[in-house]
């Protein structure tokens, strides 16, 4: 299996920082790192982690799929029915690429089986979840971050104290404000705004909106 990643340097670094990531020793996959899907050659699987920020990749990815390739794209805001048929989604938010579980959605069984084989070969656990906006982990994290901003707005405590309390009290690797900085506040606000159209509990805190709009 020949796998091409379309990714920025920091995405590659995060993915490869996972302990035991040695695909070259697995006998299953050969990995190549590219900057644009137009550079794809004889690969059988393309995972585009830059797709959400660079939707202009679409035409090259569709051409790759027409040649028989399997396409996986980072897409937290668009679900499968908004993408070309057969595209598979992956949660590629910063802070999630170095985790043992890989969150995926969509695709047909043959493609899913190939992805299962690849991810297991590099020591990860692929988890196909319901094809919904935001997957599972990003929705939960976005909600926690929003609640932290509500607490800040109500004067419960400071950002540093809320972060520390969450780390010590829940054993989180990061507090909610540190998570927001790592993931990107604009990404989080975009997800909350989209989810809040159907679920009012995701309505973004006003102080969070103000902070993001001032960036």
Protein backbone atom coordinates (compact mmCIF):
# COMPACT_ATOMS: atom_id res chain seq x y z
CA UNK A 1 0.00 0.00 0.00
CA UNK A 2 1.42 3.36 -1.06
CA UNK A 3 0.15 6.20 1.10
CA UNK A 4 0.51 9.90 0.35
CA UNK A 5 -0.04 12.55 3.00
CA UNK A 6 -0.84 16.13 2.04
CA UNK A 7 0.18 18.09 5.09
CA UNK A 8 2.01 21.03 6.60
CA UNK A 9 5.26 20.42 8.45
CA UNK A 10 3.63 20.79 11.86
CA UNK A 11 0.96 18.22 10.94
CA UNK A 12 3.61 15.75 9.80
CA UNK A 13 5.57 16.32 12.99
CA UNK A 14 2.52 15.72 15.17
CA UNK A 15 1.47 12.56 13.31
CA UNK A 16 4.97 11.06 13.38
CA UNK A 17 5.51 11.91 17.05
CA UNK A 18 3.24 9.05 18.08
CA UNK A 19 5.36 6.37 19.83
CA UNK A 20 6.08 3.37 17.65
CA UNK A 21 5.20 5.08 14.38
CA UNK A 22 7.32 2.94 12.04
CA UNK A 23 5.33 2.23 8.84
CA UNK A 24 8.53 1.47 6.93
CA UNK A 25 8.98 -1.57 9.18
CA UNK A 26 5.40 -2.80 9.04
CA UNK A 27 5.52 -4.32 5.57
CA UNK A 28 2.10 -2.79 4.94
CA UNK A 29 2.58 0.79 3.83
CA UNK A 30 5.03 3.17 2.24
CA UNK A 31 4.41 6.77 3.24
CA UNK A 32 5.16 9.86 1.15
CA UNK A 33 4.65 13.43 2.30
CA UNK A 34 3.52 15.97 -0.30
CA UNK A 35 2.32 19.56 -0.32
CA UNK A 36 -0.39 19.26 -2.99
CA UNK A 37 -2.48 16.38 -4.40
CA UNK A 38 -1.44 17.40 -7.94
CA UNK A 39 1.89 15.75 -7.06
CA UNK A 40 0.30 12.33 -6.58
CA UNK A 41 1.73 9.57 -8.79
CA UNK A 42 1.26 5.85 -8.16
CA UNK A 43 -0.11 6.05 -4.61
CA UNK A 44 -3.21 4.06 -3.66
CA UNK A 45 -4.31 6.16 -0.67
CA UNK A 46 -4.20 9.92 -0.18
CA UNK A 47 -4.83 11.56 3.21
CA UNK A 48 -5.16 15.32 2.80
CA UNK A 49 -4.83 17.00 6.19
CA UNK A 50 -4.83 20.46 4.58
CA UNK A 51 -8.14 20.10 2.74
CA UNK A 52 -10.27 22.18 5.11
CA UNK A 53 -7.94 25.17 4.73
CA UNK A 54 -7.23 24.50 1.04
CA UNK A 55 -10.47 23.41 -0.66
CA UNK A 56 -8.86 24.14 -4.03
CA UNK A 57 -7.29 20.68 -3.67
CA UNK A 58 -10.67 19.20 -4.60
CA UNK A 59 -10.13 18.82 -8.37
CA UNK A 60 -6.79 17.00 -7.97
CA UNK A 61 -8.27 14.70 -5.31
CA UNK A 62 -11.23 13.85 -7.54
CA UNK A 63 -8.83 12.99 -10.37
CA UNK A 64 -6.88 10.74 -8.01
CA UNK A 65 -10.10 9.02 -6.97
CA UNK A 66 -11.09 8.46 -10.61
CA UNK A 67 -7.77 6.61 -11.06
CA UNK A 68 -8.83 4.21 -8.31
CA UNK A 69 -7.28 5.95 -5.32
CA UNK A 70 -8.83 6.19 -1.87
CA UNK A 71 -9.29 9.78 -0.67
CA UNK A 72 -9.36 10.87 2.98
CA UNK A 73 -9.75 14.55 3.81
CA UNK A 74 -9.64 16.64 6.97
CA UNK A 75 -13.19 17.95 7.19
CA UNK A 76 -14.80 18.81 10.50
CA UNK A 77 -17.47 21.17 9.15
CA UNK A 78 -18.62 19.38 5.99
CA UNK A 79 -20.17 15.93 6.21
CA UNK A 80 -20.02 13.22 3.56
CA UNK A 81 -23.05 14.34 1.57
CA UNK A 82 -21.37 17.72 1.03
CA UNK A 83 -18.25 16.06 -0.39
CA UNK A 84 -17.72 13.95 -3.52
CA UNK A 85 -19.13 10.44 -3.19
CA UNK A 86 -16.64 8.05 -1.63
CA UNK A 87 -14.54 10.67 0.17
CA UNK A 88 -13.74 9.70 3.75
CA UNK A 89 -13.38 12.29 6.52
CA UNK A 90 -10.71 12.37 9.22
CA UNK A 91 -10.47 14.44 12.38
CA UNK A 92 -7.19 16.30 11.90
CA UNK A 93 -7.57 19.10 14.43
CA UNK A 94 -4.25 20.05 16.06
CA UNK A 95 -3.76 18.03 19.20
CA UNK A 96 -5.49 14.91 17.88
CA UNK A 97 -3.02 13.59 15.30
CA UNK A 98 -0.63 12.15 17.89
CA UNK A 99 -3.35 10.16 19.68
CA UNK A 100 -3.74 6.35 19.50
CA UNK A 101 -7.28 6.60 18.09
CA UNK A 102 -8.01 8.01 14.64
CA UNK A 103 -11.55 9.31 14.15
CA UNK A 104 -12.98 8.69 10.66
CA UNK A 105 -16.36 8.92 8.94
CA UNK A 106 -17.91 7.89 5.64
CA UNK A 107 -16.74 5.73 2.77
CA UNK A 108 -17.63 2.28 1.52
CA UNK A 109 -16.56 -1.01 3.11
CA UNK A 110 -13.62 -1.83 0.77
CA UNK A 111 -12.02 1.58 1.38
CA UNK A 112 -12.69 1.36 5.11
CA UNK A 113 -10.99 -2.05 5.21
CA UNK A 114 -7.89 -0.62 3.52
CA UNK A 115 -7.80 2.23 6.01
CA UNK A 116 -8.20 -0.16 8.92
CA UNK A 117 -5.25 -2.15 7.61
CA UNK A 118 -3.08 0.94 7.20
CA UNK A 119 -3.80 2.60 10.53
CA UNK A 120 -3.36 -0.64 12.44
CA UNK A 121 -0.02 -1.16 10.70
CA UNK A 122 1.25 2.09 12.23
CA UNK A 123 -0.04 1.27 15.68
CA UNK A 124 -3.25 3.31 15.60
CA UNK A 125 -6.85 2.33 16.25
CA UNK A 126 -9.16 3.53 13.44
CA UNK A 127 -12.67 4.36 14.66
CA UNK A 128 -15.40 4.94 12.09
CA UNK A 129 -18.08 7.11 13.69
CA UNK A 130 -21.38 8.59 12.57
CA UNK A 131 -20.93 10.98 9.67
CA UNK A 132 -21.87 14.17 11.50
CA UNK A 133 -20.55 17.71 11.83
CA UNK A 134 -17.54 17.89 14.11
CA UNK A 135 -17.07 14.16 14.69
CA UNK A 136 -17.14 13.28 18.42
CA UNK A 137 -13.95 14.52 20.10
CA UNK A 138 -13.97 18.01 18.50
CA UNK A 139 -17.61 18.54 19.49
CA UNK A 140 -16.86 17.62 23.09
CA UNK A 141 -13.71 19.73 23.29
CA UNK A 142 -15.44 22.72 21.62
CA UNK A 143 -18.27 22.48 24.15
CA UNK A 144 -15.82 22.36 27.08
CA UNK A 145 -13.92 25.37 25.72
CA UNK A 146 -17.16 27.30 25.28
CA UNK A 147 -18.22 26.48 28.84
CA UNK A 148 -14.85 27.74 30.09
CA UNK A 149 -15.43 31.05 28.34
CA UNK A 150 -18.89 31.26 29.91
CA UNK A 151 -17.31 30.68 33.34
CA UNK A 152 -14.76 33.38 32.61
CA UNK A 153 -17.51 35.73 31.50
CA UNK A 154 -19.39 35.11 34.75
CA UNK A 155 -16.28 35.93 36.78
CA UNK A 156 -15.85 32.42 38.19
CA UNK A 157 -12.08 32.60 37.85
CA UNK A 158 -9.20 33.52 35.54
CA UNK A 159 -8.05 31.68 32.44
CA UNK A 160 -4.95 30.32 34.16
CA UNK A 161 -6.88 29.12 37.20
CA UNK A 162 -9.59 27.45 35.08
CA UNK A 163 -6.93 25.69 32.99
CA UNK A 164 -5.12 24.49 36.10
CA UNK A 165 -8.33 23.31 37.76
CA UNK A 166 -9.30 21.26 34.70
CA UNK A 167 -5.85 19.71 34.45
CA UNK A 168 -5.70 18.76 38.11
CA UNK A 169 -9.37 17.86 38.52
CA UNK A 170 -9.95 15.89 35.31
CA UNK A 171 -6.39 14.89 34.34
CA UNK A 172 -6.75 16.69 31.00
CA UNK A 173 -3.41 17.14 29.18
CA UNK A 174 -4.36 20.79 28.62
CA UNK A 175 -6.83 23.21 30.13
CA UNK A 176 -9.66 24.52 27.90
CA UNK A 177 -7.99 27.84 27.09
CA UNK A 178 -4.71 26.13 26.26
CA UNK A 179 -6.69 23.72 24.07
CA UNK A 180 -8.26 26.67 22.28
CA UNK A 181 -4.84 28.15 21.54
CA UNK A 182 -3.50 24.82 20.27
CA UNK A 183 -6.47 23.95 18.06
CA UNK A 184 -7.16 27.45 16.81
CA UNK A 185 -9.96 29.63 18.12
CA UNK A 186 -11.35 30.32 14.66
CA UNK A 187 -11.77 26.58 14.05
CA UNK A 188 -13.61 26.16 17.33
CA UNK A 189 -15.90 29.15 16.78
CA UNK A 190 -16.76 27.94 13.27
CA UNK A 191 -17.77 24.55 14.63
CA UNK A 192 -19.79 26.00 17.53
CA UNK A 193 -21.56 28.44 15.21
CA UNK A 194 -22.54 25.68 12.79
CA UNK A 195 -23.70 23.31 15.53
CA UNK A 196 -25.70 26.02 17.31
CA UNK A 197 -28.04 26.31 14.31
CA UNK A 198 -29.62 23.01 15.37
CA UNK A 199 -28.46 22.70 18.97
CA UNK A 200 -28.70 25.91 21.07
CA UNK A 201 -26.45 24.45 23.76
CA UNK A 202 -23.51 25.08 21.41
CA UNK A 203 -24.24 28.82 21.13
CA UNK A 204 -20.81 30.51 21.39
CA UNK A 205 -20.13 32.63 24.47
CA UNK A 206 -20.16 36.32 23.62
CA UNK A 207 -16.69 36.92 25.10
CA UNK A 208 -15.33 34.05 22.98
CA UNK A 209 -16.84 35.60 19.83
CA UNK A 210 -15.33 38.98 20.71
CA UNK A 211 -11.92 37.44 21.31
CA UNK A 212 -11.92 35.55 18.01
CA UNK A 213 -13.20 38.56 16.03
CA UNK A 214 -10.37 40.66 17.43
CA UNK A 215 -7.71 38.28 16.11
